C-alpha atoms as a PDB file:
ATOM      1  CA  MET A   1       0.037   0.034  -0.067  1.00  0.00           C
ATOM      2  CA  PHE A   2       1.728   3.124  -1.267  1.00  0.00           C
ATOM      3  CA  GLY A   3       5.140   1.620  -0.662  1.00  0.00           C
ATOM      4  CA  ILE A   4       4.815   1.403   3.042  1.00  0.00           C
ATOM      5  CA  SER A   5       4.794  -1.741   5.162  1.00  0.00           C
ATOM      6  CA  TRP A   6       2.072  -2.665   7.707  1.00  0.00           C
ATOM      7  CA  ALA A   7       4.381  -1.848  10.540  1.00  0.00           C
ATOM      8  CA  GLU A   8       5.051   1.676   9.321  1.00  0.00           C
ATOM      9  CA  PHE A   9       1.286   2.127   8.750  1.00  0.00           C
ATOM     10  CA  ILE A  10       0.583   1.120  12.337  1.00  0.00           C
ATOM     11  CA  VAL A  11       3.189   3.526  13.598  1.00  0.00           C
ATOM     12  CA  ILE A  12       1.714   6.388  11.602  1.00  0.00           C
ATOM     13  CA  LEU A  13      -1.774   5.556  12.892  1.00  0.00           C
ATOM     14  CA  LEU A  14      -0.562   5.477  16.555  1.00  0.00           C
ATOM     15  CA  VAL A  15       1.112   8.839  16.085  1.00  0.00           C
ATOM     16  CA  ALA A  16      -2.045  10.265  14.516  1.00  0.00           C
ATOM     17  CA  ILE A  17      -4.090   8.964  17.474  1.00  0.00           C
ATOM     18  CA  LEU A  18      -1.806  10.582  19.904  1.00  0.00           C
ATOM     19  CA  VAL A  19      -1.503  13.946  18.030  1.00  0.00           C
ATOM     20  CA  VAL A  20      -5.270  14.357  17.240  1.00  0.00           C
ATOM     21  CA  PRO A  21      -7.450  15.102  20.152  1.00  0.00           C
ATOM     22  CA  ALA A  22     -10.328  12.656  20.806  1.00  0.00           C
ATOM     23  CA  ARG A  23     -13.101  15.097  20.101  1.00  0.00           C
ATOM     24  CA  TYR A  24     -11.815  15.507  16.511  1.00  0.00           C
ATOM     25  CA  TRP A  25     -11.648  11.748  15.692  1.00  0.00           C
ATOM     26  CA  PRO A  26     -15.123  11.638  14.137  1.00  0.00           C
ATOM     27  CA  ASP A  27     -14.283  14.634  11.902  1.00  0.00           C
ATOM     28  CA  VAL A  28     -11.039  13.042  10.862  1.00  0.00           C
ATOM     29  CA  ALA A  29     -12.800   9.688  10.142  1.00  0.00           C
ATOM     30  CA  ARG A  30     -15.406  11.444   8.039  1.00  0.00           C
ATOM     31  CA  ALA A  31     -12.744  13.373   6.059  1.00  0.00           C
ATOM     32  CA  LEU A  32     -10.751  10.168   5.473  1.00  0.00           C
ATOM     33  CA  ALA A  33     -13.951   8.373   4.292  1.00  0.00           C
ATOM     34  CA  ARG A  34     -14.676  11.248   1.839  1.00  0.00           C
ATOM     35  CA  ALA A  35     -11.113  11.136   0.491  1.00  0.00           C
ATOM     36  CA  VAL A  36     -11.223   7.347   0.058  1.00  0.00           C
ATOM     37  CA  LYS A  37     -14.591   7.576  -1.700  1.00  0.00           C
ATOM     38  CA  PHE A  38     -13.293  10.353  -3.913  1.00  0.00           C
ATOM     39  CA  ILE A  39     -10.114   8.458  -4.931  1.00  0.00           C
ATOM     40  CA  ARG A  40     -12.141   5.232  -5.577  1.00  0.00           C
ATOM     41  CA  SER A  41     -14.486   7.215  -7.906  1.00  0.00           C
ATOM     42  CA  ILE A  42     -11.504   8.641  -9.808  1.00  0.00           C
ATOM     43  CA  VAL A  43     -10.005   5.238 -10.132  1.00  0.00           C
ATOM     44  CA  TRP A  44     -13.346   3.728 -11.432  1.00  0.00           C
ATOM     45  CA  LYS A  45     -13.694   6.513 -13.967  1.00  0.00           C
ATOM     46  CA  ILE A  46     -10.087   6.085 -15.194  1.00  0.00           C
ATOM     47  CA  THR A  47     -10.624   2.210 -15.417  1.00  0.00           C
ATOM     48  CA  ASP A  48     -13.892   2.704 -17.281  1.00  0.00           C
ATOM     49  CA  ALA A  49     -12.300   5.240 -19.677  1.00  0.00           C
ATOM     50  CA  SER A  50      -9.352   2.914 -20.360  1.00  0.00           C
ATOM     51  CA  GLU A  51     -11.762  -0.163 -20.964  1.00  0.00           C
ATOM     52  CA  LYS A  52     -13.653   2.025 -23.492  1.00  0.00           C
ATOM     53  CA  ILE A  53     -10.468   2.944 -25.351  1.00  0.00           C
ATOM     54  CA  LYS A  54      -9.353  -0.650 -25.474  1.00  0.00           C
ATOM     55  CA  GLU A  55     -12.763  -1.678 -26.946  1.00  0.00           C
ATOM     56  CA  GLN A  56     -12.506   1.211 -29.561  1.00  0.00           C
ATOM     57  CA  ILE A  57      -8.961   0.093 -30.580  1.00  0.00           C
ATOM     58  CA  GLU A  58     -10.226  -3.523 -30.834  1.00  0.00           C
ATOM     59  CA  LEU A  59     -13.014  -2.444 -33.144  1.00  0.00           C
ATOM     60  CA  GLU A  60     -10.672  -0.350 -35.304  1.00  0.00           C
ATOM     61  CA  GLU A  61      -8.031  -2.981 -35.872  1.00  0.00           C
ATOM     62  CA  PRO A  62      -9.970  -4.980 -38.473  1.00  0.00           C
ATOM     63  CA  ILE A  63     -10.934  -1.774 -40.215  1.00  0.00           C
ATOM     64  CA  ASN A  64      -7.296  -0.772 -40.498  1.00  0.00           C
ATOM     65  CA  GLU A  65      -6.344  -4.232 -41.788  1.00  0.00           C
ATOM     66  CA  ILE A  66      -9.042  -4.066 -44.466  1.00  0.00           C
ATOM     67  CA  MET A  67      -7.952  -0.501 -45.506  1.00  0.00           C
ATOM     68  CA  ASN A  68      -4.363  -1.633 -45.833  1.00  0.00           C
ATOM     69  CA  THR A  69      -5.032  -4.751 -47.812  1.00  0.00           C
ATOM     70  CA  THR A  70      -7.473  -2.825 -50.049  1.00  0.00           C
ATOM     71  CA  THR A  71      -5.042  -0.011 -50.706  1.00  0.00           C
ATOM     72  CA  ARG A  72      -2.269  -2.569 -51.545  1.00  0.00           C
ATOM     73  CA  ASP A  73      -4.590  -4.417 -53.846  1.00  0.00           C
ATOM     74  CA  VAL A  74      -5.580  -1.132 -55.667  1.00  0.00           C
ATOM     75  CA  LEU A  75      -2.026  -0.072 -55.926  1.00  0.00           C
ATOM     76  CA  ASP A  76      -1.013  -3.491 -57.319  1.00  0.00           C
ATOM     77  CA  ALA A  77      -3.913  -3.595 -59.780  1.00  0.00           C
ATOM     78  CA  PHE A  78      -2.940  -0.289 -61.355  1.00  0.00           C
ATOM     79  CA  SER A  79       0.798  -0.971 -60.939  1.00  0.00           C
ATOM     80  CA  ILE A  80       1.241   2.175 -58.928  1.00  0.00           C
ATOM     81  CA  LYS A  81       4.155   2.421 -56.647  1.00  0.00           C
ATOM     82  CA  LYS A  82       3.695   4.004 -53.317  1.00  0.00           C
ATOM     83  CA  PRO A  83       5.415   7.404 -53.202  1.00  0.00           C
ATOM     84  CA  LYS A  84       8.509   7.396 -51.092  1.00  0.00           C
ATOM     85  CA  GLN A  85       8.622  10.039 -48.267  1.00  0.00           C
ATOM     86  CA  ASN A  86      11.636  12.183 -48.282  1.00  0.00           C
ATOM     87  CA  LYS A  87      12.918  12.629 -44.741  1.00  0.00           C
ATOM     88  CA  LYS A  88      14.943  15.637 -45.636  1.00  0.00           C
ATOM     89  CA  PRO A  89      13.483  18.402 -47.765  1.00  0.00           C
ATOM     90  CA  SER A  90      15.490  19.119 -50.842  1.00  0.00           C
ATOM     91  CA  ARG A  91      17.085  22.509 -51.038  1.00  0.00           C
ATOM     92  CA  SER A  92      17.827  24.151 -54.337  1.00  0.00           C
ATOM     93  CA  LYS A  93      21.199  25.722 -54.751  1.00  0.00           C
ATOM     94  CA  LYS A  94      21.354  29.423 -55.687  1.00  0.00           C
END
C-alpha cells in the first residue's frame, strides 16, 4: 500500500491517534472516508475510460487491416508504386 509496510502504517496510525485530540476523531474519520470515496470514484472513472479506449482500438483494428489490404490491392492492380517520403526536404542551390 503506497510503498509502506504494515508496521510503518501502524506507527503512523498510532502517532495520528496521539496527536489528534479525541473530540476530532469523528471529523477526521469522515474526512478520510470522503477522501477514500473520492479516490475510488476517480480510479473507477479512469478504469472505465481505459476499457472504452481498449474496446474502440479492438473495433478499429479490423478496419485498419481491411484498409491496408484494399489499398495494397488497388496499388497492385494499377501498378502504382507508393510514393517514397523524403525525410529531408530538398534544397535548391542558388
